[in-house]
Amino acid sequence: MRAFRIGQIVPSSNITMETEIPAMFRAREATAPERFTYHSSRMRMKSVTKEELEQMNAQAERCALELSDAQVDVMGYACLVAIMSMGNGYHRTSEERLRSVAASEGSRAEIVSSAGALVSGLKTMGARRVAIMTPYMKPLTALVKSYIENEGIEVIDALSLEIPDNMAVGERDPRALIDIVDGLNVDGADVVVASACVQMPSLASIAPLEAKLGKPVVSAATCTVHEMLKRLGLHAAVPDAGAILSGRY
């Protein structure tokens, strides 16, 4: 039985990725032999504005150095909009920069970003058209839409909850999205993104949404776990976490 160390670079006000990511790995432990521990480094950010996101991004390399000291097996940059707000395709630049920083300390950790994982997960599922829900103000949601579309995936509808305070986002009822999705046009969508934000809790809504909509449903968090498992060379299957983690991908 092998144990893996899961590292996360998280905004200081994020209270979701250190709950949902471990929850999915623990669920996997019930059906597979591998075991996991969890280790985080934080970047200051309280309000989800482009200015604060840019300031936060500047702290990511320090976090990568800190996680290198813990000899983690994978590092996840756990803020989707911070990456996407920096310009189309920026997840590749960010991941390479963090990989270089980690390598300078002798770390061989795999580097994953939630932004890159969402794009990769949608492509892996063969999604050409998606509908998304976000907690962001509309201008930031527009950036996310543009980012996804630049990767060749059409966003047919995007619902913005317009919550600027990051703590307020993390304190939301994770099952609220089951009803909120009624305001989203999902007709013609190959996949529905329940939460294009790793801070907005959604794990408890994934399976009920799939049953309600009759479509695959993902979140930035479920796609992040899928990408982490792939990078670790492990079977990407987690019970009750939706299609992307069903084991088919």
C-alpha atoms as a PDB file:
ATOM      1  CA  MET A   1       0.000   0.000   0.000  1.00  0.00           C
ATOM      2  CA  ARG A   2       1.474   3.336  -1.045  1.00  0.00           C
ATOM      3  CA  ALA A   3       0.760   6.709   0.548  1.00  0.00           C
ATOM      4  CA  PHE A   4       0.751   9.867  -1.562  1.00  0.00           C
ATOM      5  CA  ARG A   5       1.136  13.457  -0.370  1.00  0.00           C
ATOM      6  CA  ILE A   6      -1.369  15.868  -1.915  1.00  0.00           C
ATOM      7  CA  GLY A   7      -0.221  19.504  -1.887  1.00  0.00           C
ATOM      8  CA  GLN A   8      -2.488  22.471  -2.499  1.00  0.00           C
ATOM      9  CA  ILE A   9      -1.754  26.143  -3.100  1.00  0.00           C
ATOM     10  CA  VAL A  10      -4.886  27.890  -1.868  1.00  0.00           C
ATOM     11  CA  PRO A  11      -6.199  31.425  -1.364  1.00  0.00           C
ATOM     12  CA  SER A  12      -6.093  32.401   2.305  1.00  0.00           C
ATOM     13  CA  SER A  13      -9.885  32.688   2.385  1.00  0.00           C
ATOM     14  CA  ASN A  14     -10.514  29.334   0.673  1.00  0.00           C
ATOM     15  CA  ILE A  15     -12.322  26.925   2.998  1.00  0.00           C
ATOM     16  CA  THR A  16     -13.552  24.449   0.374  1.00  0.00           C
ATOM     17  CA  MET A  17     -10.608  22.801  -1.381  1.00  0.00           C
ATOM     18  CA  GLU A  18      -9.234  21.491   1.921  1.00  0.00           C
ATOM     19  CA  THR A  19     -12.606  19.832   2.543  1.00  0.00           C
ATOM     20  CA  GLU A  20     -13.831  18.667  -0.891  1.00  0.00           C
ATOM     21  CA  ILE A  21     -10.486  17.379  -2.201  1.00  0.00           C
ATOM     22  CA  PRO A  22      -9.780  15.231   0.888  1.00  0.00           C
ATOM     23  CA  ALA A  23     -13.412  14.056   0.886  1.00  0.00           C
ATOM     24  CA  MET A  24     -13.010  12.680  -2.627  1.00  0.00           C
ATOM     25  CA  PHE A  25      -9.686  11.001  -1.881  1.00  0.00           C
ATOM     26  CA  ARG A  26     -11.120   9.487   1.319  1.00  0.00           C
ATOM     27  CA  ALA A  27     -14.069   8.121  -0.651  1.00  0.00           C
ATOM     28  CA  ARG A  28     -11.593   6.551  -3.064  1.00  0.00           C
ATOM     29  CA  GLU A  29      -9.739   4.950  -0.134  1.00  0.00           C
ATOM     30  CA  ALA A  30     -12.890   2.909   0.567  1.00  0.00           C
ATOM     31  CA  THR A  31     -12.535   1.157  -2.799  1.00  0.00           C
ATOM     32  CA  ALA A  32      -8.787   1.256  -3.582  1.00  0.00           C
ATOM     33  CA  PRO A  33      -5.599   0.477  -1.632  1.00  0.00           C
ATOM     34  CA  GLU A  34      -3.741   3.808  -1.943  1.00  0.00           C
ATOM     35  CA  ARG A  35      -3.714   6.283   0.938  1.00  0.00           C
ATOM     36  CA  PHE A  36      -3.317  10.071   0.912  1.00  0.00           C
ATOM     37  CA  THR A  37      -2.238  12.913   3.197  1.00  0.00           C
ATOM     38  CA  TYR A  38      -2.966  16.615   2.611  1.00  0.00           C
ATOM     39  CA  HIS A  39      -0.691  19.646   2.838  1.00  0.00           C
ATOM     40  CA  SER A  40      -1.421  23.288   2.000  1.00  0.00           C
ATOM     41  CA  SER A  41       0.286  26.632   1.544  1.00  0.00           C
ATOM     42  CA  ARG A  42      -1.737  29.846   1.431  1.00  0.00           C
ATOM     43  CA  MET A  43      -1.789  33.089  -0.598  1.00  0.00           C
ATOM     44  CA  ARG A  44      -3.550  36.195   0.738  1.00  0.00           C
ATOM     45  CA  MET A  45      -6.860  36.962  -0.964  1.00  0.00           C
ATOM     46  CA  LYS A  46     -10.219  38.029   0.487  1.00  0.00           C
ATOM     47  CA  SER A  47     -12.221  39.648  -2.319  1.00  0.00           C
ATOM     48  CA  VAL A  48     -12.534  38.104  -5.772  1.00  0.00           C
ATOM     49  CA  THR A  49     -11.451  41.076  -7.850  1.00  0.00           C
ATOM     50  CA  LYS A  50      -8.992  41.135 -10.724  1.00  0.00           C
ATOM     51  CA  GLU A  51      -6.619  43.308  -8.696  1.00  0.00           C
ATOM     52  CA  GLU A  52      -6.561  40.986  -5.663  1.00  0.00           C
ATOM     53  CA  LEU A  53      -6.242  37.935  -7.901  1.00  0.00           C
ATOM     54  CA  GLU A  54      -3.171  39.410  -9.593  1.00  0.00           C
ATOM     55  CA  GLN A  55      -1.593  40.197  -6.213  1.00  0.00           C
ATOM     56  CA  MET A  56      -2.354  36.671  -5.039  1.00  0.00           C
ATOM     57  CA  ASN A  57      -0.820  35.076  -8.140  1.00  0.00           C
ATOM     58  CA  ALA A  58       2.494  36.721  -7.281  1.00  0.00           C
ATOM     59  CA  GLN A  59       2.652  34.591  -4.120  1.00  0.00           C
ATOM     60  CA  ALA A  60       2.266  31.217  -5.849  1.00  0.00           C
ATOM     61  CA  GLU A  61       5.991  30.576  -6.275  1.00  0.00           C
ATOM     62  CA  ARG A  62       6.597  30.987  -2.531  1.00  0.00           C
ATOM     63  CA  CYS A  63       3.879  28.416  -1.911  1.00  0.00           C
ATOM     64  CA  ALA A  64       5.466  25.997  -4.380  1.00  0.00           C
ATOM     65  CA  LEU A  65       8.755  26.302  -2.504  1.00  0.00           C
ATOM     66  CA  GLU A  66       7.037  25.592   0.811  1.00  0.00           C
ATOM     67  CA  LEU A  67       5.262  22.517  -0.540  1.00  0.00           C
ATOM     68  CA  SER A  68       8.543  21.319  -2.050  1.00  0.00           C
ATOM     69  CA  ASP A  69       9.913  21.172   1.505  1.00  0.00           C
ATOM     70  CA  ALA A  70       7.126  18.705   2.350  1.00  0.00           C
ATOM     71  CA  GLN A  71       8.107  16.527  -0.641  1.00  0.00           C
ATOM     72  CA  VAL A  72       4.536  16.318  -1.917  1.00  0.00           C
ATOM     73  CA  ASP A  73       3.790  14.068  -4.893  1.00  0.00           C
ATOM     74  CA  VAL A  74       1.457  16.529  -6.597  1.00  0.00           C
ATOM     75  CA  MET A  75       0.763  20.251  -6.190  1.00  0.00           C
ATOM     76  CA  GLY A  76      -2.597  21.729  -7.103  1.00  0.00           C
ATOM     77  CA  TYR A  77      -3.007  25.467  -7.709  1.00  0.00           C
ATOM     78  CA  ALA A  78      -6.458  25.810  -6.202  1.00  0.00           C
ATOM     79  CA  CYS A  79      -7.898  28.994  -7.683  1.00  0.00           C
ATOM     80  CA  LEU A  80      -9.438  28.742 -11.129  1.00  0.00           C
ATOM     81  CA  VAL A  81     -10.323  32.389 -11.764  1.00  0.00           C
ATOM     82  CA  ALA A  82      -6.929  33.655 -10.610  1.00  0.00           C
ATOM     83  CA  ILE A  83      -5.368  31.764 -13.516  1.00  0.00           C
ATOM     84  CA  MET A  84      -8.067  32.513 -16.056  1.00  0.00           C
ATOM     85  CA  SER A  85      -8.047  36.236 -15.265  1.00  0.00           C
ATOM     86  CA  MET A  86      -4.394  36.402 -16.363  1.00  0.00           C
ATOM     87  CA  GLY A  87      -5.228  35.712 -20.001  1.00  0.00           C
ATOM     88  CA  ASN A  88      -6.183  32.853 -22.286  1.00  0.00           C
ATOM     89  CA  GLY A  89      -4.057  29.749 -21.905  1.00  0.00           C
ATOM     90  CA  TYR A  90      -2.276  31.069 -18.820  1.00  0.00           C
ATOM     91  CA  HIS A  91      -2.623  27.771 -16.932  1.00  0.00           C
ATOM     92  CA  ARG A  92       0.193  26.368 -19.078  1.00  0.00           C
ATOM     93  CA  THR A  93       2.493  29.260 -18.167  1.00  0.00           C
ATOM     94  CA  SER A  94       1.616  29.050 -14.480  1.00  0.00           C
ATOM     95  CA  GLU A  95       2.056  25.284 -14.270  1.00  0.00           C
ATOM     96  CA  GLU A  96       5.447  25.452 -15.993  1.00  0.00           C
ATOM     97  CA  ARG A  97       6.601  28.261 -13.694  1.00  0.00           C
ATOM     98  CA  LEU A  98       5.604  26.336 -10.568  1.00  0.00           C
ATOM     99  CA  ARG A  99       7.185  23.163 -11.964  1.00  0.00           C
ATOM    100  CA  SER A 100      10.457  25.037 -12.450  1.00  0.00           C
ATOM    101  CA  VAL A 101      10.359  26.473  -8.934  1.00  0.00           C
ATOM    102  CA  ALA A 102       9.683  23.062  -7.411  1.00  0.00           C
ATOM    103  CA  ALA A 103      12.403  21.436  -9.494  1.00  0.00           C
ATOM    104  CA  SER A 104      14.911  24.022  -8.263  1.00  0.00           C
ATOM    105  CA  GLU A 105      14.446  22.467  -4.819  1.00  0.00           C
ATOM    106  CA  GLY A 106      14.791  18.921  -6.121  1.00  0.00           C
ATOM    107  CA  SER A 107      11.054  18.288  -6.146  1.00  0.00           C
ATOM    108  CA  ARG A 108       9.586  15.966  -8.757  1.00  0.00           C
ATOM    109  CA  ALA A 109       6.022  16.886  -7.849  1.00  0.00           C
ATOM    110  CA  GLU A 110       3.419  16.859 -10.585  1.00  0.00           C
ATOM    111  CA  ILE A 111       1.877  20.310 -11.060  1.00  0.00           C
ATOM    112  CA  VAL A 112      -1.873  20.714 -11.590  1.00  0.00           C
ATOM    113  CA  SER A 113      -3.995  23.864 -11.745  1.00  0.00           C
ATOM    114  CA  SER A 114      -7.742  23.829 -11.258  1.00  0.00           C
ATOM    115  CA  ALA A 115      -8.062  25.959 -14.406  1.00  0.00           C
ATOM    116  CA  GLY A 116      -6.048  23.514 -16.491  1.00  0.00           C
ATOM    117  CA  ALA A 117      -7.796  20.548 -14.887  1.00  0.00           C
ATOM    118  CA  LEU A 118     -11.240  21.876 -15.822  1.00  0.00           C
ATOM    119  CA  VAL A 119     -10.179  22.361 -19.436  1.00  0.00           C
ATOM    120  CA  SER A 120      -8.477  18.965 -19.540  1.00  0.00           C
ATOM    121  CA  GLY A 121     -11.440  17.225 -17.933  1.00  0.00           C
ATOM    122  CA  LEU A 122     -13.941  18.703 -20.380  1.00  0.00           C
ATOM    123  CA  LYS A 123     -11.745  17.720 -23.318  1.00  0.00           C
ATOM    124  CA  THR A 124     -11.274  14.217 -21.921  1.00  0.00           C
ATOM    125  CA  MET A 125     -15.059  13.845 -21.789  1.00  0.00           C
ATOM    126  CA  GLY A 126     -15.346  15.031 -25.377  1.00  0.00           C
ATOM    127  CA  ALA A 127     -17.396  18.084 -24.414  1.00  0.00           C
ATOM    128  CA  ARG A 128     -17.923  20.557 -27.239  1.00  0.00           C
ATOM    129  CA  ARG A 129     -20.686  22.619 -25.624  1.00  0.00           C
ATOM    130  CA  VAL A 130     -21.055  23.338 -21.905  1.00  0.00           C
ATOM    131  CA  ALA A 131     -23.154  25.399 -19.513  1.00  0.00           C
ATOM    132  CA  ILE A 132     -21.495  26.793 -16.397  1.00  0.00           C
ATOM    133  CA  MET A 133     -22.390  28.206 -12.987  1.00  0.00           C
ATOM    134  CA  THR A 134     -20.070  30.556 -11.100  1.00  0.00           C
ATOM    135  CA  PRO A 135     -20.207  32.664  -7.916  1.00  0.00           C
ATOM    136  CA  TYR A 136     -18.326  35.496  -9.661  1.00  0.00           C
ATOM    137  CA  MET A 137     -19.378  38.967 -10.669  1.00  0.00           C
ATOM    138  CA  LYS A 138     -20.413  39.025 -14.326  1.00  0.00           C
ATOM    139  CA  PRO A 139     -17.157  40.532 -15.693  1.00  0.00           C
ATOM    140  CA  LEU A 140     -15.115  37.697 -14.153  1.00  0.00           C
ATOM    141  CA  THR A 141     -17.580  35.097 -15.411  1.00  0.00           C
ATOM    142  CA  ALA A 142     -17.152  36.603 -18.877  1.00  0.00           C
ATOM    143  CA  LEU A 143     -13.384  36.052 -18.538  1.00  0.00           C
ATOM    144  CA  VAL A 144     -13.959  32.418 -17.581  1.00  0.00           C
ATOM    145  CA  LYS A 145     -16.312  31.952 -20.535  1.00  0.00           C
ATOM    146  CA  SER A 146     -13.758  33.457 -22.908  1.00  0.00           C
ATOM    147  CA  TYR A 147     -10.986  31.299 -21.466  1.00  0.00           C
ATOM    148  CA  ILE A 148     -12.938  28.066 -21.937  1.00  0.00           C
ATOM    149  CA  GLU A 149     -14.018  29.045 -25.432  1.00  0.00           C
ATOM    150  CA  ASN A 150     -10.412  29.834 -26.363  1.00  0.00           C
ATOM    151  CA  GLU A 151      -9.731  26.164 -25.616  1.00  0.00           C
ATOM    152  CA  GLY A 152     -12.263  25.154 -28.271  1.00  0.00           C
ATOM    153  CA  ILE A 153     -15.272  24.504 -26.030  1.00  0.00           C
ATOM    154  CA  GLU A 154     -18.425  26.585 -26.551  1.00  0.00           C
ATOM    155  CA  VAL A 155     -20.112  27.976 -23.427  1.00  0.00           C
ATOM    156  CA  ILE A 156     -23.800  28.077 -24.341  1.00  0.00           C
ATOM    157  CA  ASP A 157     -24.872  29.708 -21.065  1.00  0.00           C
ATOM    158  CA  ALA A 158     -23.214  31.058 -17.921  1.00  0.00           C
ATOM    159  CA  LEU A 159     -24.975  31.846 -14.648  1.00  0.00           C
ATOM    160  CA  SER A 160     -23.263  34.339 -12.290  1.00  0.00           C
ATOM    161  CA  LEU A 161     -24.276  34.420  -8.614  1.00  0.00           C
ATOM    162  CA  GLU A 162     -22.337  37.713  -8.195  1.00  0.00           C
ATOM    163  CA  ILE A 163     -20.824  37.150  -4.756  1.00  0.00           C
ATOM    164  CA  PRO A 164     -17.629  39.243  -4.375  1.00  0.00           C
ATOM    165  CA  ASP A 165     -16.669  38.102  -0.866  1.00  0.00           C
ATOM    166  CA  ASN A 166     -14.714  34.840  -1.061  1.00  0.00           C
ATOM    167  CA  MET A 167     -15.666  33.669   2.443  1.00  0.00           C
ATOM    168  CA  ALA A 168     -19.342  34.121   1.616  1.00  0.00           C
ATOM    169  CA  VAL A 169     -18.830  31.895  -1.424  1.00  0.00           C
ATOM    170  CA  GLY A 170     -17.248  29.153   0.670  1.00  0.00           C
ATOM    171  CA  GLU A 171     -20.023  29.264   3.271  1.00  0.00           C
ATOM    172  CA  ARG A 172     -22.788  28.500   0.772  1.00  0.00           C
ATOM    173  CA  ASP A 173     -24.985  25.405   1.052  1.00  0.00           C
ATOM    174  CA  PRO A 174     -23.327  22.820  -1.248  1.00  0.00           C
ATOM    175  CA  ARG A 175     -26.748  21.507  -2.279  1.00  0.00           C
ATOM    176  CA  ALA A 176     -28.126  24.917  -3.271  1.00  0.00           C
ATOM    177  CA  LEU A 177     -26.994  24.378  -6.853  1.00  0.00           C
ATOM    178  CA  ILE A 178     -29.593  21.640  -7.320  1.00  0.00           C
ATOM    179  CA  ASP A 179     -32.282  24.340  -7.447  1.00  0.00           C
ATOM    180  CA  ILE A 180     -30.160  27.187  -8.828  1.00  0.00           C
ATOM    181  CA  VAL A 181     -29.498  25.179 -11.997  1.00  0.00           C
ATOM    182  CA  ASP A 182     -33.121  25.856 -13.017  1.00  0.00           C
ATOM    183  CA  GLY A 183     -31.927  29.311 -14.098  1.00  0.00           C
ATOM    184  CA  LEU A 184     -29.275  27.862 -16.409  1.00  0.00           C
ATOM    185  CA  ASN A 185     -29.951  26.912 -20.012  1.00  0.00           C
ATOM    186  CA  VAL A 186     -28.520  23.403 -20.393  1.00  0.00           C
ATOM    187  CA  ASP A 187     -30.260  22.493 -23.661  1.00  0.00           C
ATOM    188  CA  GLY A 188     -27.636  21.188 -26.036  1.00  0.00           C
ATOM    189  CA  ALA A 189     -24.877  21.133 -23.416  1.00  0.00           C
ATOM    190  CA  ASP A 190     -22.696  18.033 -23.457  1.00  0.00           C
ATOM    191  CA  VAL A 191     -21.538  18.691 -19.882  1.00  0.00           C
ATOM    192  CA  VAL A 192     -22.756  21.027 -17.123  1.00  0.00           C
ATOM    193  CA  VAL A 193     -20.147  22.686 -14.902  1.00  0.00           C
ATOM    194  CA  ALA A 194     -21.835  22.943 -11.514  1.00  0.00           C
ATOM    195  CA  SER A 195     -19.117  25.175 -10.108  1.00  0.00           C
ATOM    196  CA  ALA A 196     -16.431  26.840 -12.210  1.00  0.00           C
ATOM    197  CA  CYS A 197     -14.867  27.867  -8.907  1.00  0.00           C
ATOM    198  CA  VAL A 198     -13.023  25.744  -6.378  1.00  0.00           C
ATOM    199  CA  GLN A 199     -14.343  27.832  -3.474  1.00  0.00           C
ATOM    200  CA  MET A 200     -18.063  27.366  -4.223  1.00  0.00           C
ATOM    201  CA  PRO A 201     -19.071  24.079  -2.536  1.00  0.00           C
ATOM    202  CA  SER A 202     -20.662  21.681  -5.005  1.00  0.00           C
ATOM    203  CA  LEU A 203     -19.611  18.089  -4.315  1.00  0.00           C
ATOM    204  CA  ALA A 204     -22.910  17.193  -2.636  1.00  0.00           C
ATOM    205  CA  SER A 205     -24.786  18.499  -5.699  1.00  0.00           C
ATOM    206  CA  ILE A 206     -22.933  16.589  -8.427  1.00  0.00           C
ATOM    207  CA  ALA A 207     -24.781  13.257  -8.315  1.00  0.00           C
ATOM    208  CA  PRO A 208     -28.241  14.834  -7.719  1.00  0.00           C
ATOM    209  CA  LEU A 209     -27.661  17.242 -10.628  1.00  0.00           C
ATOM    210  CA  GLU A 210     -26.704  14.394 -12.948  1.00  0.00           C
ATOM    211  CA  ALA A 211     -29.907  12.584 -11.963  1.00  0.00           C
ATOM    212  CA  LYS A 212     -31.983  15.745 -12.413  1.00  0.00           C
ATOM    213  CA  LEU A 213     -30.517  16.857 -15.734  1.00  0.00           C
ATOM    214  CA  GLY A 214     -29.701  13.530 -17.317  1.00  0.00           C
ATOM    215  CA  LYS A 215     -26.285  14.947 -18.279  1.00  0.00           C
ATOM    216  CA  PRO A 216     -22.713  14.624 -17.020  1.00  0.00           C
ATOM    217  CA  VAL A 217     -21.947  17.229 -14.357  1.00  0.00           C
ATOM    218  CA  VAL A 218     -18.474  18.296 -13.245  1.00  0.00           C
ATOM    219  CA  SER A 219     -16.945  20.953 -11.041  1.00  0.00           C
ATOM    220  CA  ALA A 220     -13.515  22.548 -10.939  1.00  0.00           C
ATOM    221  CA  ALA A 221     -12.847  20.425  -7.848  1.00  0.00           C
ATOM    222  CA  THR A 222     -13.878  17.072  -9.360  1.00  0.00           C
ATOM    223  CA  CYS A 223     -11.800  17.821 -12.444  1.00  0.00           C
ATOM    224  CA  THR A 224      -8.846  18.710 -10.204  1.00  0.00           C
ATOM    225  CA  VAL A 225      -9.034  15.348  -8.432  1.00  0.00           C
ATOM    226  CA  HIS A 226      -9.347  13.573 -11.793  1.00  0.00           C
ATOM    227  CA  GLU A 227      -6.210  15.325 -13.065  1.00  0.00           C
ATOM    228  CA  MET A 228      -4.285  14.654  -9.841  1.00  0.00           C
ATOM    229  CA  LEU A 229      -5.088  10.940  -9.994  1.00  0.00           C
ATOM    230  CA  LYS A 230      -4.045  10.775 -13.652  1.00  0.00           C
ATOM    231  CA  ARG A 231      -0.742  12.538 -12.925  1.00  0.00           C
ATOM    232  CA  LEU A 232      -0.079  10.115 -10.068  1.00  0.00           C
ATOM    233  CA  GLY A 233      -0.683   7.178 -12.401  1.00  0.00           C
ATOM    234  CA  LEU A 234      -3.748   6.023 -10.458  1.00  0.00           C
ATOM    235  CA  HIS A 235      -7.182   4.885 -11.617  1.00  0.00           C
ATOM    236  CA  ALA A 236      -9.345   8.023 -11.694  1.00  0.00           C
ATOM    237  CA  ALA A 237     -12.406   6.657  -9.924  1.00  0.00           C
ATOM    238  CA  VAL A 238     -14.184   8.128  -6.891  1.00  0.00           C
ATOM    239  CA  PRO A 239     -17.621   6.973  -5.703  1.00  0.00           C
ATOM    240  CA  ASP A 240     -20.520   9.434  -6.030  1.00  0.00           C
ATOM    241  CA  ALA A 241     -18.384  12.206  -7.563  1.00  0.00           C
ATOM    242  CA  GLY A 242     -19.956  12.322 -11.013  1.00  0.00           C
ATOM    243  CA  ALA A 243     -19.121  11.164 -14.494  1.00  0.00           C
ATOM    244  CA  ILE A 244     -15.548  12.480 -14.663  1.00  0.00           C
ATOM    245  CA  LEU A 245     -14.621  10.279 -11.678  1.00  0.00           C
ATOM    246  CA  SER A 246     -16.722   7.275 -12.655  1.00  0.00           C
ATOM    247  CA  GLY A 247     -13.632   5.384 -13.808  1.00  0.00           C
ATOM    248  CA  ARG A 248     -14.542   5.677 -17.497  1.00  0.00           C
ATOM    249  CA  TYR A 249     -11.981   8.449 -17.992  1.00  0.00           C
END
